[in-house]
Amino acid sequence: MKKNFLFLFVLIFSVSSWGYQINSEDETRYNIDNFRGSFKMMKVDYDSFGEKKDSKGLGYYNYIPLLKKGKIVGYGAITHIKTYNKHEALLAIVSPDGRLLDFYLPDANDRHLEVHDYNWKNSYIDKKHEEMEFDGLAGSTFTANSTYGELKSILRGFEFRKKDIVVK
């Protein structure tokens, strides 16, 4: 029980600490269905999507199975981060055992191309939320902080609701 309360506290703090809210009219933009093509930009080989899984009470954290020849190879997830003066989508793929397989910021523009640097990304790849350590990124400090916090939240949310998300 204490673990659940701690998880909820950390999740709420990590989301609220960045002090941002999306407008209700923007909520449809962060629907995982709008980014199905963008998941192909990541280094996970899959050929189709399964049925989207609502994360039940975790807000906009939804997970969608990624299938290769009918077998689940990961779960796509979407959230958003606040960078400079706008919100940007953050896509992630989580392994069935809760490790981060890859992530991608499809809206990254000329102001922070550094977020596509594989050396920086690799500091988070193949880790569970408790194994992640913050890795700063010169040129995109605020984006790096926001990304780190949301990646941990995606992984925590997956672990917390794994029984509802993972398809047997």
Protein backbone atom coordinates (compact mmCIF):
# COMPACT_ATOMS: atom_id res chain seq x y z
CA MET A 1 0.00 0.00 0.00
CA LYS A 2 2.83 2.40 0.86
CA LYS A 3 4.42 1.61 -2.49
CA ASN A 4 1.21 2.62 -4.31
CA PHE A 5 0.98 5.91 -2.41
CA LEU A 6 4.65 6.62 -3.05
CA PHE A 7 4.19 5.88 -6.75
CA LEU A 8 1.18 8.18 -7.00
CA PHE A 9 2.99 10.95 -5.13
CA VAL A 10 6.04 10.71 -7.40
CA LEU A 11 3.86 10.54 -10.51
CA ILE A 12 1.82 13.57 -9.49
CA PHE A 13 4.94 15.50 -8.50
CA SER A 14 6.80 14.66 -11.70
CA VAL A 15 3.89 15.80 -13.84
CA SER A 16 2.99 18.90 -11.82
CA SER A 17 6.55 20.01 -11.10
CA TRP A 18 6.99 21.17 -14.67
CA GLY A 19 3.96 23.41 -14.20
CA TYR A 20 2.20 22.84 -17.47
CA GLN A 21 -1.26 21.93 -18.61
CA ILE A 22 -2.56 21.27 -22.08
CA ASN A 23 -5.73 22.97 -23.17
CA SER A 24 -8.78 20.77 -23.58
CA GLU A 25 -8.77 21.45 -27.32
CA ASP A 26 -5.17 20.13 -27.47
CA GLU A 27 -6.02 16.81 -25.80
CA THR A 28 -6.99 15.21 -29.10
CA ARG A 29 -3.53 16.06 -30.47
CA TYR A 30 -1.93 13.77 -27.90
CA ASN A 31 -4.02 10.76 -28.85
CA ILE A 32 -1.70 7.84 -29.56
CA ASP A 33 -3.61 7.09 -32.77
CA ASN A 34 -2.35 10.36 -34.28
CA PHE A 35 1.27 9.20 -33.99
CA ARG A 36 1.16 5.65 -35.32
CA GLY A 37 3.45 6.59 -38.22
CA SER A 38 5.94 8.29 -35.89
CA PHE A 39 6.55 5.06 -33.98
CA LYS A 40 8.35 3.78 -37.11
CA MET A 41 11.06 6.40 -36.44
CA MET A 42 12.28 4.34 -33.49
CA LYS A 43 14.58 1.31 -33.44
CA VAL A 44 11.97 -1.34 -32.64
CA ASP A 45 10.95 -3.73 -35.39
CA TYR A 46 7.20 -4.39 -35.50
CA ASP A 47 4.65 -4.88 -38.24
CA SER A 48 1.28 -3.95 -36.68
CA PHE A 49 -0.50 -2.45 -33.71
CA GLY A 50 -2.69 -4.28 -31.23
CA GLU A 51 -5.65 -2.84 -29.33
CA LYS A 52 -4.93 0.36 -27.39
CA LYS A 53 -4.94 -0.11 -23.61
CA ASP A 54 -6.23 2.64 -21.34
CA SER A 55 -4.03 3.01 -18.30
CA LYS A 56 -7.07 3.48 -16.00
CA GLY A 57 -6.61 6.56 -13.90
CA LEU A 58 -3.17 7.60 -15.10
CA GLY A 59 -4.47 10.47 -17.20
CA TYR A 60 -3.27 10.51 -20.76
CA TYR A 61 -0.82 7.62 -20.41
CA ASN A 62 -2.11 5.02 -22.83
CA TYR A 63 -0.24 2.03 -24.18
CA ILE A 64 -0.64 0.24 -27.49
CA PRO A 65 0.87 -3.19 -28.19
CA LEU A 66 3.38 -3.38 -31.05
CA LEU A 67 3.26 -6.74 -32.78
CA LYS A 68 5.77 -8.66 -34.90
CA LYS A 69 4.24 -11.72 -36.56
CA GLY A 70 1.44 -11.67 -33.98
CA LYS A 71 3.79 -11.57 -30.96
CA ILE A 72 4.06 -8.48 -28.72
CA VAL A 73 7.54 -6.94 -28.95
CA GLY A 74 6.74 -3.78 -26.99
CA TYR A 75 4.14 -1.20 -26.01
CA GLY A 76 4.00 2.23 -27.59
CA ALA A 77 3.19 5.11 -25.25
CA ILE A 78 2.66 8.83 -25.68
CA THR A 79 2.84 11.82 -23.38
CA HIS A 80 3.82 15.44 -23.88
CA ILE A 81 6.52 17.71 -22.54
CA LYS A 82 6.72 21.48 -22.28
CA THR A 83 9.63 22.96 -24.18
CA TYR A 84 10.24 26.66 -24.44
CA ASN A 85 6.74 28.04 -25.03
CA LYS A 86 4.95 25.01 -26.48
CA HIS A 87 3.94 21.44 -25.81
CA GLU A 88 5.56 18.63 -27.75
CA ALA A 89 4.71 14.97 -28.09
CA LEU A 90 7.02 12.39 -26.51
CA LEU A 91 6.70 8.85 -27.83
CA ALA A 92 8.24 5.85 -26.11
CA ILE A 93 8.33 2.11 -26.57
CA VAL A 94 8.36 -0.03 -23.44
CA SER A 95 9.33 -3.72 -23.45
CA PRO A 96 6.89 -6.26 -21.98
CA ASP A 97 9.15 -6.45 -18.90
CA GLY A 98 9.08 -2.65 -18.38
CA ARG A 99 12.33 -1.49 -19.97
CA LEU A 100 12.58 1.55 -22.22
CA LEU A 101 13.32 0.32 -25.75
CA ASP A 102 13.41 3.73 -27.48
CA PHE A 103 11.87 7.19 -27.44
CA TYR A 104 11.30 9.95 -29.96
CA LEU A 105 10.25 13.60 -29.93
CA PRO A 106 8.51 14.03 -33.30
CA ASP A 107 8.07 17.79 -32.85
CA ALA A 108 11.76 18.51 -32.14
CA ASN A 109 12.78 21.40 -34.31
CA ASP A 110 15.80 23.57 -35.00
CA ARG A 111 15.82 24.86 -31.43
CA HIS A 112 16.70 21.46 -29.98
CA LEU A 113 17.88 18.96 -32.56
CA GLU A 114 20.19 17.61 -29.83
CA VAL A 115 17.33 15.42 -28.55
CA HIS A 116 17.88 13.08 -31.50
CA ASP A 117 21.49 12.42 -30.44
CA TYR A 118 21.87 8.66 -29.98
CA ASN A 119 24.62 8.97 -27.36
CA TRP A 120 22.22 10.91 -25.14
CA LYS A 121 19.26 8.64 -25.95
CA ASN A 122 21.32 5.52 -25.25
CA SER A 123 21.88 6.66 -21.66
CA TYR A 124 18.18 5.82 -21.08
CA ILE A 125 17.61 2.91 -23.49
CA ASP A 126 17.18 -0.60 -22.03
CA LYS A 127 16.61 0.68 -18.50
CA LYS A 128 13.73 0.34 -16.04
CA HIS A 129 12.54 3.47 -14.23
CA GLU A 130 14.58 2.75 -11.10
CA GLU A 131 17.77 2.31 -13.16
CA MET A 132 17.54 5.67 -14.93
CA GLU A 133 19.82 8.51 -13.96
CA PHE A 134 19.48 12.02 -15.30
CA ASP A 135 21.79 12.83 -18.20
CA GLY A 136 21.93 16.51 -19.16
CA LEU A 137 22.02 17.63 -22.74
CA ALA A 138 23.90 20.77 -23.74
CA GLY A 139 21.71 23.03 -25.84
CA SER A 140 18.45 21.51 -24.64
CA THR A 141 18.60 21.63 -20.86
CA PHE A 142 14.90 22.22 -20.24
CA THR A 143 13.90 19.62 -22.84
CA ALA A 144 16.31 17.08 -21.29
CA ASN A 145 14.79 17.61 -17.83
CA SER A 146 11.22 17.34 -19.12
CA THR A 147 12.04 14.26 -21.19
CA TYR A 148 13.74 12.50 -18.29
CA GLY A 149 10.79 13.13 -15.97
CA GLU A 150 8.19 11.96 -18.47
CA LEU A 151 10.15 8.86 -19.50
CA LYS A 152 10.32 7.82 -15.86
CA SER A 153 6.58 8.49 -15.52
CA ILE A 154 5.79 6.39 -18.59
CA LEU A 155 7.82 3.49 -17.17
CA ARG A 156 6.34 3.88 -13.68
CA GLY A 157 2.83 4.01 -15.12
CA PHE A 158 3.51 0.88 -17.14
CA GLU A 159 4.82 -0.96 -14.09
CA PHE A 160 1.95 0.26 -11.91
CA ARG A 161 -0.76 -0.81 -14.40
CA LYS A 162 1.05 -3.74 -16.00
CA LYS A 163 -1.72 -6.19 -15.10
CA ASP A 164 -4.23 -4.03 -17.04
CA ILE A 165 -1.95 -3.30 -19.98
CA VAL A 166 -0.05 -6.50 -20.77
CA VAL A 167 -1.97 -8.81 -23.07
CA LYS A 168 -1.58 -12.48 -22.22
